[in-house]
Amino acid sequence: LATKKRANWKQKKQDTSNINFYVKEKDEKKTKALRKVSRGI
């Protein structure tokens, strides 16, 4: 996914937080899914 951070410092801070949340959730679910796949699906 392409993302952007707006120029305004407050919006940039919010965008950074939202992007970090997305990356963290996505990486955690990928790791969990790969463990499931290794056991067979």
Full PDB file with SEQRES, HELIX, SHEET, SSBOND, CRYST1, ORIGX, SCALE, CONECT and MASTER records, all heavy atoms in Angstrom:
SEQRES   1 A   41  LEU ALA THR LYS LYS ARG ALA ASN TRP LYS GLN LYS LYS          
SEQRES   2 A   41  GLN ASP THR SER ASN ILE ASN PHE TYR VAL LYS GLU LYS          
SEQRES   3 A   41  ASP GLU LYS LYS THR LYS ALA LEU ARG LYS VAL SER ARG          
SEQRES   4 A   41  GLY ILE                                                      
HELIX    1 AA1 TRP A    9  ARG A   39  1                                  31    
CRYST1    1.000    1.000    1.000  90.00  90.00  90.00 P 1           1          
ORIGX1      1.000000  0.000000  0.000000        0.00000                         
ORIGX2      0.000000  1.000000  0.000000        0.00000                         
ORIGX3      0.000000  0.000000  1.000000        0.00000                         
SCALE1      1.000000  0.000000  0.000000        0.00000                         
SCALE2      0.000000  1.000000  0.000000        0.00000                         
SCALE3      0.000000  0.000000  1.000000        0.00000                         
ATOM      1  N   LEU A   1       0.808  -1.226   0.000  1.00  0.00           N  
ATOM      2  CA  LEU A   1       0.000   0.000   0.000  1.00  0.00           C  
ATOM      3  C   LEU A   1       0.839   1.273   0.000  1.00  0.00           C  
ATOM      4  O   LEU A   1       1.783   1.420   0.782  1.00  0.00           O  
ATOM      5  CB  LEU A   1      -0.916   0.033   1.228  1.00  0.00           C  
ATOM      6  CG  LEU A   1      -2.210  -0.767   1.158  1.00  0.00           C  
ATOM      7  CD1 LEU A   1      -3.073  -0.441   2.363  1.00  0.00           C  
ATOM      8  CD2 LEU A   1      -2.975  -0.484  -0.125  1.00  0.00           C  
ATOM      9  N   ALA A   2       0.470   2.188  -0.879  1.00  0.00           N  
ATOM     10  CA  ALA A   2       1.063   3.523  -0.868  1.00  0.00           C  
ATOM     11  C   ALA A   2       0.404   4.345   0.235  1.00  0.00           C  
ATOM     12  O   ALA A   2      -0.792   4.220   0.501  1.00  0.00           O  
ATOM     13  CB  ALA A   2       0.844   4.191  -2.222  1.00  0.00           C  
ATOM     14  N   THR A   3       1.187   5.150   0.900  1.00  0.00           N  
ATOM     15  CA  THR A   3       0.663   6.012   1.970  1.00  0.00           C  
ATOM     16  C   THR A   3       1.209   7.425   1.772  1.00  0.00           C  
ATOM     17  O   THR A   3       2.100   7.649   0.958  1.00  0.00           O  
ATOM     18  CB  THR A   3       1.079   5.495   3.362  1.00  0.00           C  
ATOM     19  OG1 THR A   3       2.505   5.486   3.448  1.00  0.00           O  
ATOM     20  CG2 THR A   3       0.538   4.103   3.618  1.00  0.00           C  
ATOM     21  N   LYS A   4       0.660   8.358   2.539  1.00  0.00           N  
ATOM     22  CA  LYS A   4       1.152   9.739   2.478  1.00  0.00           C  
ATOM     23  C   LYS A   4       1.100  10.345   3.872  1.00  0.00           C  
ATOM     24  O   LYS A   4       0.325   9.916   4.731  1.00  0.00           O  
ATOM     25  CB  LYS A   4       0.305  10.570   1.515  1.00  0.00           C  
ATOM     26  CG  LYS A   4      -1.090  10.907   2.050  1.00  0.00           C  
ATOM     27  CD  LYS A   4      -1.884  11.763   1.085  1.00  0.00           C  
ATOM     28  CE  LYS A   4      -3.267  12.096   1.675  1.00  0.00           C  
ATOM     29  NZ  LYS A   4      -4.135  12.795   0.720  1.00  0.00           N  
ATOM     30  N   LYS A   5       1.940  11.351   4.076  1.00  0.00           N  
ATOM     31  CA  LYS A   5       1.911  12.125   5.309  1.00  0.00           C  
ATOM     32  C   LYS A   5       1.732  13.589   4.917  1.00  0.00           C  
ATOM     33  O   LYS A   5       2.531  14.127   4.146  1.00  0.00           O  
ATOM     34  CB  LYS A   5       3.200  11.927   6.098  1.00  0.00           C  
ATOM     35  CG  LYS A   5       3.385  10.501   6.606  1.00  0.00           C  
ATOM     36  CD  LYS A   5       4.704  10.339   7.360  1.00  0.00           C  
ATOM     37  CE  LYS A   5       4.904   8.889   7.775  1.00  0.00           C  
ATOM     38  NZ  LYS A   5       6.221   8.695   8.466  1.00  0.00           N  
ATOM     39  N   ARG A   6       0.685  14.189   5.420  1.00  0.00           N  
ATOM     40  CA  ARG A   6       0.381  15.566   5.047  1.00  0.00           C  
ATOM     41  C   ARG A   6       1.388  16.547   5.658  1.00  0.00           C  
ATOM     42  O   ARG A   6       2.099  16.211   6.616  1.00  0.00           O  
ATOM     43  CB  ARG A   6      -1.045  15.905   5.468  1.00  0.00           C  
ATOM     44  CG  ARG A   6      -2.097  15.206   4.607  1.00  0.00           C  
ATOM     45  CD  ARG A   6      -3.489  15.267   5.215  1.00  0.00           C  
ATOM     46  NE  ARG A   6      -3.601  14.403   6.386  1.00  0.00           N  
ATOM     47  CZ  ARG A   6      -4.724  14.223   7.081  1.00  0.00           C  
ATOM     48  NH1 ARG A   6      -5.832  14.867   6.700  1.00  0.00           N  
ATOM     49  NH2 ARG A   6      -4.741  13.426   8.128  1.00  0.00           N  
ATOM     50  N   ALA A   7       1.449  17.749   5.096  1.00  0.00           N  
ATOM     51  CA  ALA A   7       2.478  18.716   5.466  1.00  0.00           C  
ATOM     52  C   ALA A   7       2.258  19.324   6.844  1.00  0.00           C  
ATOM     53  O   ALA A   7       3.212  19.552   7.597  1.00  0.00           O  
ATOM     54  CB  ALA A   7       2.550  19.823   4.413  1.00  0.00           C  
ATOM     55  N   ASN A   8       1.000  19.604   7.184  1.00  0.00           N  
ATOM     56  CA  ASN A   8       0.689  20.195   8.486  1.00  0.00           C  
ATOM     57  C   ASN A   8       1.204  19.282   9.605  1.00  0.00           C  
ATOM     58  O   ASN A   8       0.976  18.080   9.595  1.00  0.00           O  
ATOM     59  CB  ASN A   8      -0.823  20.396   8.598  1.00  0.00           C  
ATOM     60  CG  ASN A   8      -1.242  20.926   9.949  1.00  0.00           C  
ATOM     61  OD1 ASN A   8      -1.361  20.179  10.902  1.00  0.00           O  
ATOM     62  ND2 ASN A   8      -1.474  22.231  10.012  1.00  0.00           N  
ATOM     63  N   TRP A   9       1.904  19.853  10.602  1.00  0.00           N  
ATOM     64  CA  TRP A   9       2.580  19.030  11.606  1.00  0.00           C  
ATOM     65  C   TRP A   9       1.606  18.157  12.400  1.00  0.00           C  
ATOM     66  O   TRP A   9       1.921  17.003  12.721  1.00  0.00           O  
ATOM     67  CB  TRP A   9       3.384  19.920  12.566  1.00  0.00           C  
ATOM     68  CG  TRP A   9       2.548  20.711  13.541  1.00  0.00           C  
ATOM     69  CD1 TRP A   9       2.059  21.966  13.382  1.00  0.00           C  
ATOM     70  CD2 TRP A   9       2.120  20.269  14.840  1.00  0.00           C  
ATOM     71  NE1 TRP A   9       1.338  22.355  14.481  1.00  0.00           N  
ATOM     72  CE2 TRP A   9       1.360  21.328  15.405  1.00  0.00           C  
ATOM     73  CE3 TRP A   9       2.289  19.110  15.574  1.00  0.00           C  
ATOM     74  CZ2 TRP A   9       0.788  21.259  16.657  1.00  0.00           C  
ATOM     75  CZ3 TRP A   9       1.715  19.020  16.836  1.00  0.00           C  
ATOM     76  CH2 TRP A   9       0.970  20.091  17.375  1.00  0.00           C  
ATOM     77  N   LYS A  10       0.426  18.704  12.693  1.00  0.00           N  
ATOM     78  CA  LYS A  10      -0.559  17.927  13.457  1.00  0.00           C  
ATOM     79  C   LYS A  10      -1.099  16.778  12.609  1.00  0.00           C  
ATOM     80  O   LYS A  10      -1.235  15.644  13.088  1.00  0.00           O  
ATOM     81  CB  LYS A  10      -1.701  18.846  13.904  1.00  0.00           C  
ATOM     82  CG  LYS A  10      -2.675  18.178  14.865  1.00  0.00           C  
ATOM     83  CD  LYS A  10      -3.691  19.195  15.395  1.00  0.00           C  
ATOM     84  CE  LYS A  10      -4.623  18.538  16.401  1.00  0.00           C  
ATOM     85  NZ  LYS A  10      -5.619  19.517  16.918  1.00  0.00           N  
ATOM     86  N   GLN A  11      -1.418  17.063  11.346  1.00  0.00           N  
ATOM     87  CA  GLN A  11      -1.902  16.016  10.448  1.00  0.00           C  
ATOM     88  C   GLN A  11      -0.809  14.988  10.168  1.00  0.00           C  
ATOM     89  O   GLN A  11      -1.083  13.788  10.075  1.00  0.00           O  
ATOM     90  CB  GLN A  11      -2.392  16.646   9.137  1.00  0.00           C  
ATOM     91  CG  GLN A  11      -3.650  17.476   9.286  1.00  0.00           C  
ATOM     92  CD  GLN A  11      -4.044  18.159   7.990  1.00  0.00           C  
ATOM     93  OE1 GLN A  11      -3.195  18.513   7.172  1.00  0.00           O  
ATOM     94  NE2 GLN A  11      -5.350  18.348   7.801  1.00  0.00           N  
ATOM     95  N   LYS A  12       0.437  15.457  10.044  1.00  0.00           N  
ATOM     96  CA  LYS A  12       1.559  14.552   9.799  1.00  0.00           C  
ATOM     97  C   LYS A  12       1.737  13.582  10.969  1.00  0.00           C  
ATOM     98  O   LYS A  12       1.994  12.393  10.782  1.00  0.00           O  
ATOM     99  CB  LYS A  12       2.835  15.351   9.579  1.00  0.00           C  
ATOM    100  CG  LYS A  12       4.033  14.492   9.195  1.00  0.00           C  
ATOM    101  CD  LYS A  12       5.235  15.360   8.869  1.00  0.00           C  
ATOM    102  CE  LYS A  12       6.416  14.493   8.447  1.00  0.00           C  
ATOM    103  NZ  LYS A  12       7.602  15.331   8.100  1.00  0.00           N  
ATOM    104  N   LYS A  13       1.592  14.099  12.180  1.00  0.00           N  
ATOM    105  CA  LYS A  13       1.690  13.256  13.374  1.00  0.00           C  
ATOM    106  C   LYS A  13       0.583  12.204  13.388  1.00  0.00           C  
ATOM    107  O   LYS A  13       0.822  11.028  13.705  1.00  0.00           O  
ATOM    108  CB  LYS A  13       1.617  14.132  14.623  1.00  0.00           C  
ATOM    109  CG  LYS A  13       1.789  13.368  15.926  1.00  0.00           C  
ATOM    110  CD  LYS A  13       1.742  14.313  17.115  1.00  0.00           C  
ATOM    111  CE  LYS A  13       1.897  13.545  18.421  1.00  0.00           C  
ATOM    112  NZ  LYS A  13       1.830  14.458  19.609  1.00  0.00           N  
ATOM    113  N   GLN A  14      -0.635  12.644  13.034  1.00  0.00           N  
ATOM    114  CA  GLN A  14      -1.766  11.709  12.980  1.00  0.00           C  
ATOM    115  C   GLN A  14      -1.551  10.658  11.897  1.00  0.00           C  
ATOM    116  O   GLN A  14      -1.789   9.465  12.119  1.00  0.00           O  
ATOM    117  CB  GLN A  14      -3.060  12.475  12.711  1.00  0.00           C  
ATOM    118  CG  GLN A  14      -4.307  11.589  12.702  1.00  0.00           C  
ATOM    119  CD  GLN A  14      -5.550  12.378  12.348  1.00  0.00           C  
ATOM    120  OE1 GLN A  14      -5.545  13.215  11.449  1.00  0.00           O  
ATOM    121  NE2 GLN A  14      -6.642  12.117  13.052  1.00  0.00           N  
ATOM    122  N   ASP A  15      -1.094  11.083  10.718  1.00  0.00           N  
ATOM    123  CA  ASP A  15      -0.846  10.144   9.623  1.00  0.00           C  
ATOM    124  C   ASP A  15       0.219   9.123  10.010  1.00  0.00           C  
ATOM    125  O   ASP A  15       0.088   7.932   9.722  1.00  0.00           O  
ATOM    126  CB  ASP A  15      -0.391  10.894   8.369  1.00  0.00           C  
ATOM    127  CG  ASP A  15      -1.505  11.732   7.759  1.00  0.00           C  
ATOM    128  OD1 ASP A  15      -2.683  11.429   8.022  1.00  0.00           O  
ATOM    129  OD2 ASP A  15      -1.190  12.681   7.023  1.00  0.00           O  
ATOM    130  N   THR A  16       1.283   9.584  10.662  1.00  0.00           N  
ATOM    131  CA  THR A  16       2.352   8.683  11.096  1.00  0.00           C  
ATOM    132  C   THR A  16       1.813   7.625  12.054  1.00  0.00           C  
ATOM    133  O   THR A  16       2.119   6.428  11.935  1.00  0.00           O  
ATOM    134  CB  THR A  16       3.485   9.482  11.776  1.00  0.00           C  
ATOM    135  OG1 THR A  16       4.017  10.427  10.855  1.00  0.00           O  
ATOM    136  CG2 THR A  16       4.592   8.547  12.250  1.00  0.00           C  
ATOM    137  N   SER A  17       0.995   8.058  12.998  1.00  0.00           N  
ATOM    138  CA  SER A  17       0.402   7.125  13.971  1.00  0.00           C  
ATOM    139  C   SER A  17      -0.490   6.095  13.274  1.00  0.00           C  
ATOM    140  O   SER A  17      -0.434   4.900  13.580  1.00  0.00           O  
ATOM    141  CB  SER A  17      -0.403   7.911  15.005  1.00  0.00           C  
ATOM    142  OG  SER A  17      -1.081   7.055  15.886  1.00  0.00           O  
ATOM    143  N   ASN A  18      -1.308   6.545  12.316  1.00  0.00           N  
ATOM    144  CA  ASN A  18      -2.224   5.636  11.616  1.00  0.00           C  
ATOM    145  C   ASN A  18      -1.465   4.650  10.725  1.00  0.00           C  
ATOM    146  O   ASN A  18      -1.844   3.477  10.632  1.00  0.00           O  
ATOM    147  CB  ASN A  18      -3.217   6.442  10.775  1.00  0.00           C  
ATOM    148  CG  ASN A  18      -4.132   7.306  11.632  1.00  0.00           C  
ATOM    149  OD1 ASN A  18      -4.399   6.979  12.788  1.00  0.00           O  
ATOM    150  ND2 ASN A  18      -4.594   8.403  11.073  1.00  0.00           N  
ATOM    151  N   ILE A  19      -0.416   5.115  10.083  1.00  0.00           N  
ATOM    152  CA  ILE A  19       0.392   4.227   9.239  1.00  0.00           C  
ATOM    153  C   ILE A  19       1.121   3.198  10.106  1.00  0.00           C  
ATOM    154  O   ILE A  19       1.185   2.006   9.764  1.00  0.00           O  
ATOM    155  CB  ILE A  19       1.400   5.045   8.399  1.00  0.00           C  
ATOM    156  CG1 ILE A  19       0.650   5.887   7.364  1.00  0.00           C  
ATOM    157  CG2 ILE A  19       2.397   4.118   7.703  1.00  0.00           C  
ATOM    158  CD1 ILE A  19       1.506   6.932   6.680  1.00  0.00           C  
ATOM    159  N   ASN A  20       1.654   3.642  11.243  1.00  0.00           N  
ATOM    160  CA  ASN A  20       2.342   2.717  12.147  1.00  0.00           C  
ATOM    161  C   ASN A  20       1.391   1.644  12.670  1.00  0.00           C  
ATOM    162  O   ASN A  20       1.768   0.476  12.810  1.00  0.00           O  
ATOM    163  CB  ASN A  20       2.966   3.478  13.314  1.00  0.00           C  
ATOM    164  CG  ASN A  20       4.172   4.302  12.904  1.00  0.00           C  
ATOM    165  OD1 ASN A  20       4.750   4.076  11.840  1.00  0.00           O  
ATOM    166  ND2 ASN A  20       4.566   5.259  13.733  1.00  0.00           N  
ATOM    167  N   PHE A  21       0.157   2.045  12.962  1.00  0.00           N  
ATOM    168  CA  PHE A  21      -0.853   1.071  13.414  1.00  0.00           C  
ATOM    169  C   PHE A  21      -1.107   0.031  12.332  1.00  0.00           C  
ATOM    170  O   PHE A  21      -1.155  -1.172  12.608  1.00  0.00           O  
ATOM    171  CB  PHE A  21      -2.148   1.800  13.775  1.00  0.00           C  
ATOM    172  CG  PHE A  21      -3.300   0.877  14.081  1.00  0.00           C  
ATOM    173  CD1 PHE A  21      -3.405   0.255  15.311  1.00  0.00           C  
ATOM    174  CD2 PHE A  21      -4.283   0.622  13.120  1.00  0.00           C  
ATOM    175  CE1 PHE A  21      -4.471  -0.610  15.598  1.00  0.00           C  
ATOM    176  CE2 PHE A  21      -5.339  -0.232  13.390  1.00  0.00           C  
ATOM    177  CZ  PHE A  21      -5.437  -0.851  14.624  1.00  0.00           C  
ATOM    178  N   TYR A  22      -1.269   0.496  11.105  1.00  0.00           N  
ATOM    179  CA  TYR A  22      -1.499  -0.410   9.973  1.00  0.00           C  
ATOM    180  C   TYR A  22      -0.343  -1.399   9.813  1.00  0.00           C  
ATOM    181  O   TYR A  22      -0.561  -2.609   9.670  1.00  0.00           O  
ATOM    182  CB  TYR A  22      -1.709   0.415   8.698  1.00  0.00           C  
ATOM    183  CG  TYR A  22      -1.140  -0.177   7.439  1.00  0.00           C  
ATOM    184  CD1 TYR A  22      -1.712  -1.282   6.821  1.00  0.00           C  
ATOM    185  CD2 TYR A  22       0.004   0.391   6.857  1.00  0.00           C  
ATOM    186  CE1 TYR A  22      -1.161  -1.820   5.655  1.00  0.00           C  
ATOM    187  CE2 TYR A  22       0.548  -0.131   5.698  1.00  0.00           C  
ATOM    188  CZ  TYR A  22      -0.042  -1.236   5.103  1.00  0.00           C  
ATOM    189  OH  TYR A  22       0.497  -1.765   3.960  1.00  0.00           O  
ATOM    190  N   VAL A  23       0.889  -0.906   9.855  1.00  0.00           N  
ATOM    191  CA  VAL A  23       2.062  -1.772   9.667  1.00  0.00           C  
ATOM    192  C   VAL A  23       2.158  -2.792  10.799  1.00  0.00           C  
ATOM    193  O   VAL A  23       2.401  -3.986  10.560  1.00  0.00           O  
ATOM    194  CB  VAL A  23       3.353  -0.927   9.589  1.00  0.00           C  
ATOM    195  CG1 VAL A  23       4.588  -1.821   9.594  1.00  0.00           C  
ATOM    196  CG2 VAL A  23       3.347  -0.056   8.335  1.00  0.00           C  
ATOM    197  N   LYS A  24       1.955  -2.346  12.023  1.00  0.00           N  
ATOM    198  CA  LYS A  24       2.039  -3.246  13.181  1.00  0.00           C  
ATOM    199  C   LYS A  24       0.995  -4.350  13.101  1.00  0.00           C  
ATOM    200  O   LYS A  24       1.300  -5.537  13.289  1.00  0.00           O  
ATOM    201  CB  LYS A  24       1.864  -2.433  14.470  1.00  0.00           C  
ATOM    202  CG  LYS A  24       1.902  -3.257  15.755  1.00  0.00           C  
ATOM    203  CD  LYS A  24       1.829  -2.325  16.959  1.00  0.00           C  
ATOM    204  CE  LYS A  24       1.814  -3.107  18.268  1.00  0.00           C  
ATOM    205  NZ  LYS A  24       0.549  -3.858  18.449  1.00  0.00           N  
ATOM    206  N   GLU A  25      -0.266  -3.978  12.829  1.00  0.00           N  
ATOM    207  CA  GLU A  25      -1.342  -4.965  12.731  1.00  0.00           C  
ATOM    208  C   GLU A  25      -1.088  -5.946  11.592  1.00  0.00           C  
ATOM    209  O   GLU A  25      -1.245  -7.161  11.744  1.00  0.00           O  
ATOM    210  CB  GLU A  25      -2.678  -4.257  12.512  1.00  0.00           C  
ATOM    211  CG  GLU A  25      -3.206  -3.525  13.709  1.00  0.00           C  
ATOM    212  CD  GLU A  25      -3.635  -4.461  14.821  1.00  0.00           C  
ATOM    213  OE1 GLU A  25      -4.447  -5.368  14.557  1.00  0.00           O  
ATOM    214  OE2 GLU A  25      -3.139  -4.298  15.950  1.00  0.00           O  
ATOM    215  N   LYS A  26      -0.667  -5.412  10.449  1.00  0.00           N  
ATOM    216  CA  LYS A  26      -0.432  -6.252   9.274  1.00  0.00           C  
ATOM    217  C   LYS A  26       0.698  -7.243   9.529  1.00  0.00           C  
ATOM    218  O   LYS A  26       0.585  -8.443   9.219  1.00  0.00           O  
ATOM    219  CB  LYS A  26      -0.124  -5.355   8.086  1.00  0.00           C  
ATOM    220  CG  LYS A  26       0.184  -6.072   6.780  1.00  0.00           C  
ATOM    221  CD  LYS A  26       1.666  -6.090   6.470  1.00  0.00           C  
ATOM    222  CE  LYS A  26       2.243  -4.693   6.335  1.00  0.00           C  
ATOM    223  NZ  LYS A  26       3.683  -4.722   5.965  1.00  0.00           N  
ATOM    224  N   ASP A  27       1.784  -6.786  10.113  1.00  0.00           N  
ATOM    225  CA  ASP A  27       2.925  -7.664  10.370  1.00  0.00           C  
ATOM    226  C   ASP A  27       2.594  -8.744  11.405  1.00  0.00           C  
ATOM    227  O   ASP A  27       3.005  -9.902  11.265  1.00  0.00           O  
ATOM    228  CB  ASP A  27       4.135  -6.844  10.833  1.00  0.00           C  
ATOM    229  CG  ASP A  27       4.754  -6.018   9.714  1.00  0.00           C  
ATOM    230  OD1 ASP A  27       4.410  -6.286   8.533  1.00  0.00           O  
ATOM    231  OD2 ASP A  27       5.556  -5.117  10.009  1.00  0.00           O  
ATOM    232  N   GLU A  28       1.849  -8.357  12.436  1.00  0.00           N  
ATOM    233  CA  GLU A  28       1.462  -9.333  13.460  1.00  0.00           C  
ATOM    234  C   GLU A  28       0.577 -10.422  12.864  1.00  0.00           C  
ATOM    235  O   GLU A  28       0.766 -11.617  13.140  1.00  0.00           O  
ATOM    236  CB  GLU A  28       0.729  -8.637  14.611  1.00  0.00           C  
ATOM    237  CG  GLU A  28       1.636  -7.855  15.538  1.00  0.00           C  
ATOM    238  CD  GLU A  28       0.863  -7.193  16.661  1.00  0.00           C  
ATOM    239  OE1 GLU A  28      -0.389  -7.324  16.688  1.00  0.00           O  
ATOM    240  OE2 GLU A  28       1.508  -6.557  17.517  1.00  0.00           O  
ATOM    241  N   LYS A  29      -0.396 -10.030  12.043  1.00  0.00           N  
ATOM    242  CA  LYS A  29      -1.314 -11.003  11.456  1.00  0.00           C  
ATOM    243  C   LYS A  29      -0.593 -11.881  10.422  1.00  0.00           C  
ATOM    244  O   LYS A  29      -0.901 -13.063  10.284  1.00  0.00           O  
ATOM    245  CB  LYS A  29      -2.501 -10.273  10.802  1.00  0.00           C  
ATOM    246  CG  LYS A  29      -3.365  -9.502  11.784  1.00  0.00           C  
ATOM    247  CD  LYS A  29      -3.902 -10.385  12.886  1.00  0.00           C  
ATOM    248  CE  LYS A  29      -4.920  -9.671  13.775  1.00  0.00           C  
ATOM    249  NZ  LYS A  29      -4.309  -8.632  14.611  1.00  0.00           N  
ATOM    250  N   LYS A  30       0.372 -11.326   9.714  1.00  0.00           N  
ATOM    251  CA  LYS A  30       1.155 -12.121   8.763  1.00  0.00           C  
ATOM    252  C   LYS A  30       1.951 -13.198   9.491  1.00  0.00           C  
ATOM    253  O   LYS A  30       1.962 -14.369   9.084  1.00  0.00           O  
ATOM    254  CB  LYS A  30       2.119 -11.226   7.987  1.00  0.00           C  
ATOM    255  CG  LYS A  30       1.534 -10.594   6.740  1.00  0.00           C  
ATOM    256  CD  LYS A  30       2.587  -9.829   5.984  1.00  0.00           C  
ATOM    257  CE  LYS A  30       3.675 -10.750   5.446  1.00  0.00           C  
ATOM    258  NZ  LYS A  30       4.714 -10.005   4.700  1.00  0.00           N  
ATOM    259  N   THR A  31       2.621 -12.817  10.573  1.00  0.00           N  
ATOM    260  CA  THR A  31       3.404 -13.780  11.354  1.00  0.00           C  
ATOM    261  C   THR A  31       2.519 -14.896  11.888  1.00  0.00           C  
ATOM    262  O   THR A  31       2.864 -16.085  11.813  1.00  0.00           O  
ATOM    263  CB  THR A  31       4.110 -13.057  12.524  1.00  0.00           C  
ATOM    264  OG1 THR A  31       4.957 -12.032  12.005  1.00  0.00           O  
ATOM    265  CG2 THR A  31       4.936 -14.035  13.339  1.00  0.00           C  
ATOM    266  N   LYS A  32       1.368 -14.521  12.403  1.00  0.00           N  
ATOM    267  CA  LYS A  32       0.421 -15.504  12.947  1.00  0.00           C  
ATOM    268  C   LYS A  32      -0.103 -16.419  11.853  1.00  0.00           C  
ATOM    269  O   LYS A  32      -0.210 -17.646  12.037  1.00  0.00           O  
ATOM    270  CB  LYS A  32      -0.732 -14.762  13.627  1.00  0.00           C  
ATOM    271  CG  LYS A  32      -1.737 -15.657  14.321  1.00  0.00           C  
ATOM    272  CD  LYS A  32      -2.804 -14.797  14.995  1.00  0.00           C  
ATOM    273  CE  LYS A  32      -3.886 -15.658  15.632  1.00  0.00           C  
ATOM    274  NZ  LYS A  32      -4.946 -14.810  16.246  1.00  0.00           N  
ATOM    275  N   ALA A  33      -0.413 -15.851  10.687  1.00  0.00           N  
ATOM    276  CA  ALA A  33      -0.944 -16.633   9.569  1.00  0.00           C  
ATOM    277  C   ALA A  33       0.092 -17.621   9.044  1.00  0.00           C  
ATOM    278  O   ALA A  33      -0.237 -18.768   8.719  1.00  0.00           O  
ATOM    279  CB  ALA A  33      -1.403 -15.711   8.450  1.00  0.00           C  
ATOM    280  N   LEU A  34       1.336 -17.198   8.962  1.00  0.00           N  
ATOM    281  CA  LEU A  34       2.385 -18.086   8.457  1.00  0.00           C  
ATOM    282  C   LEU A  34       2.602 -19.276   9.391  1.00  0.00           C  
ATOM    283  O   LEU A  34       2.929 -20.382   8.933  1.00  0.00           O  
ATOM    284  CB  LEU A  34       3.685 -17.304   8.264  1.00  0.00           C  
ATOM    285  CG  LEU A  34       3.663 -16.284   7.107  1.00  0.00           C  
ATOM    286  CD1 LEU A  34       4.909 -15.424   7.122  1.00  0.00           C  
ATOM    287  CD2 LEU A  34       3.509 -17.005   5.766  1.00  0.00           C  
ATOM    288  N   ARG A  35       2.420 -19.056  10.686  1.00  0.00           N  
ATOM    289  CA  ARG A  35       2.508 -20.183  11.626  1.00  0.00           C  
ATOM    290  C   ARG A  35       1.380 -21.179  11.369  1.00  0.00           C  
ATOM    291  O   ARG A  35       1.575 -22.394  11.420  1.00  0.00           O  
ATOM    292  CB  ARG A  35       2.444 -19.670  13.069  1.00  0.00           C  
ATOM    293  CG  ARG A  35       3.727 -19.046  13.571  1.00  0.00           C  
ATOM    294  CD  ARG A  35       3.776 -19.032  15.093  1.00  0.00           C  
ATOM    295  NE  ARG A  35       2.681 -18.267  15.673  1.00  0.00           N  
ATOM    296  CZ  ARG A  35       2.765 -16.982  15.995  1.00  0.00           C  
ATOM    297  NH1 ARG A  35       3.895 -16.313  15.786  1.00  0.00           N  
ATOM    298  NH2 ARG A  35       1.736 -16.363  16.534  1.00  0.00           N  
ATOM    299  N   LYS A  36       0.177 -20.641  11.104  1.00  0.00           N  
ATOM    300  CA  LYS A  36      -0.964 -21.514  10.803  1.00  0.00           C  
ATOM    301  C   LYS A  36      -0.710 -22.306   9.521  1.00  0.00           C  
ATOM    302  O   LYS A  36      -0.977 -23.508   9.449  1.00  0.00           O  
ATOM    303  CB  LYS A  36      -2.247 -20.687  10.646  1.00  0.00           C  
ATOM    304  CG  LYS A  36      -2.809 -20.142  11.937  1.00  0.00           C  
ATOM    305  CD  LYS A  36      -4.117 -19.401  11.670  1.00  0.00           C  
ATOM    306  CE  LYS A  36      -4.720 -18.845  12.951  1.00  0.00           C  
ATOM    307  NZ  LYS A  36      -5.988 -18.112  12.699  1.00  0.00           N  
ATOM    308  N   VAL A  37      -0.182 -21.629   8.500  1.00  0.00           N  
ATOM    309  CA  VAL A  37       0.080 -22.275   7.220  1.00  0.00           C  
ATOM    310  C   VAL A  37       1.105 -23.388   7.375  1.00  0.00           C  
ATOM    311  O   VAL A  37       1.001 -24.453   6.750  1.00  0.00           O  
ATOM    312  CB  VAL A  37       0.557 -21.240   6.180  1.00  0.00           C  
ATOM    313  CG1 VAL A  37       1.037 -21.920   4.913  1.00  0.00           C  
ATOM    314  CG2 VAL A  37      -0.567 -20.261   5.854  1.00  0.00           C  
ATOM    315  N   SER A  38       2.102 -23.169   8.225  1.00  0.00           N  
ATOM    316  CA  SER A  38       3.140 -24.181   8.417  1.00  0.00           C  
ATOM    317  C   SER A  38       2.585 -25.455   9.040  1.00  0.00           C  
ATOM    318  O   SER A  38       3.142 -26.540   8.868  1.00  0.00           O  
ATOM    319  CB  SER A  38       4.255 -23.621   9.298  1.00  0.00           C  
ATOM    320  OG  SER A  38       3.800 -23.406  10.624  1.00  0.00           O  
ATOM    321  N   ARG A  39       1.461 -25.315   9.764  1.00  0.00           N  
ATOM    322  CA  ARG A  39       0.826 -26.496  10.370  1.00  0.00           C  
ATOM    323  C   ARG A  39      -0.195 -27.124   9.433  1.00  0.00           C  
ATOM    324  O   ARG A  39      -0.770 -28.162   9.743  1.00  0.00           O  
ATOM    325  CB  ARG A  39       0.153 -26.104  11.703  1.00  0.00           C  
ATOM    326  CG  ARG A  39       1.128 -25.618  12.766  1.00  0.00           C  
ATOM    327  CD  ARG A  39       0.471 -25.556  14.127  1.00  0.00           C  
ATOM    328  NE  ARG A  39      -0.614 -24.593  14.183  1.00  0.00           N  
ATOM    329  CZ  ARG A  39      -0.467 -23.329  14.587  1.00  0.00           C  
ATOM    330  NH1 ARG A  39       0.741 -22.873  14.940  1.00  0.00           N  
ATOM    331  NH2 ARG A  39      -1.503 -22.507  14.638  1.00  0.00           N  
ATOM    332  N   GLY A  40      -0.466 -26.434   8.305  1.00  0.00           N  
ATOM    333  CA  GLY A  40      -1.414 -26.950   7.324  1.00  0.00           C  
ATOM    334  C   GLY A  40      -2.760 -26.258   7.394  1.00  0.00           C  
ATOM    335  O   GLY A  40      -3.302 -26.064   8.487  1.00  0.00           O  
ATOM    336  N   ILE A  41      -3.280 -25.872   6.239  1.00  0.00           N  
ATOM    337  CA  ILE A  41      -4.598 -25.236   6.151  1.00  0.00           C  
ATOM    338  C   ILE A  41      -5.392 -25.921   5.055  1.00  0.00           C  
ATOM    339  O   ILE A  41      -4.827 -26.605   4.202  1.00  0.00           O  
ATOM    340  CB  ILE A  41      -4.478 -23.726   5.847  1.00  0.00           C  
ATOM    341  CG1 ILE A  41      -3.738 -23.493   4.520  1.00  0.00           C  
ATOM    342  CG2 ILE A  41      -3.813 -22.989   6.986  1.00  0.00           C  
ATOM    343  CD1 ILE A  41      -3.723 -22.041   4.073  1.00  0.00           C  
TER     344      ILE A  41                                                      
MASTER        0    0    0    1    0    0    0    6  343    1    0    4          
END                                                                             
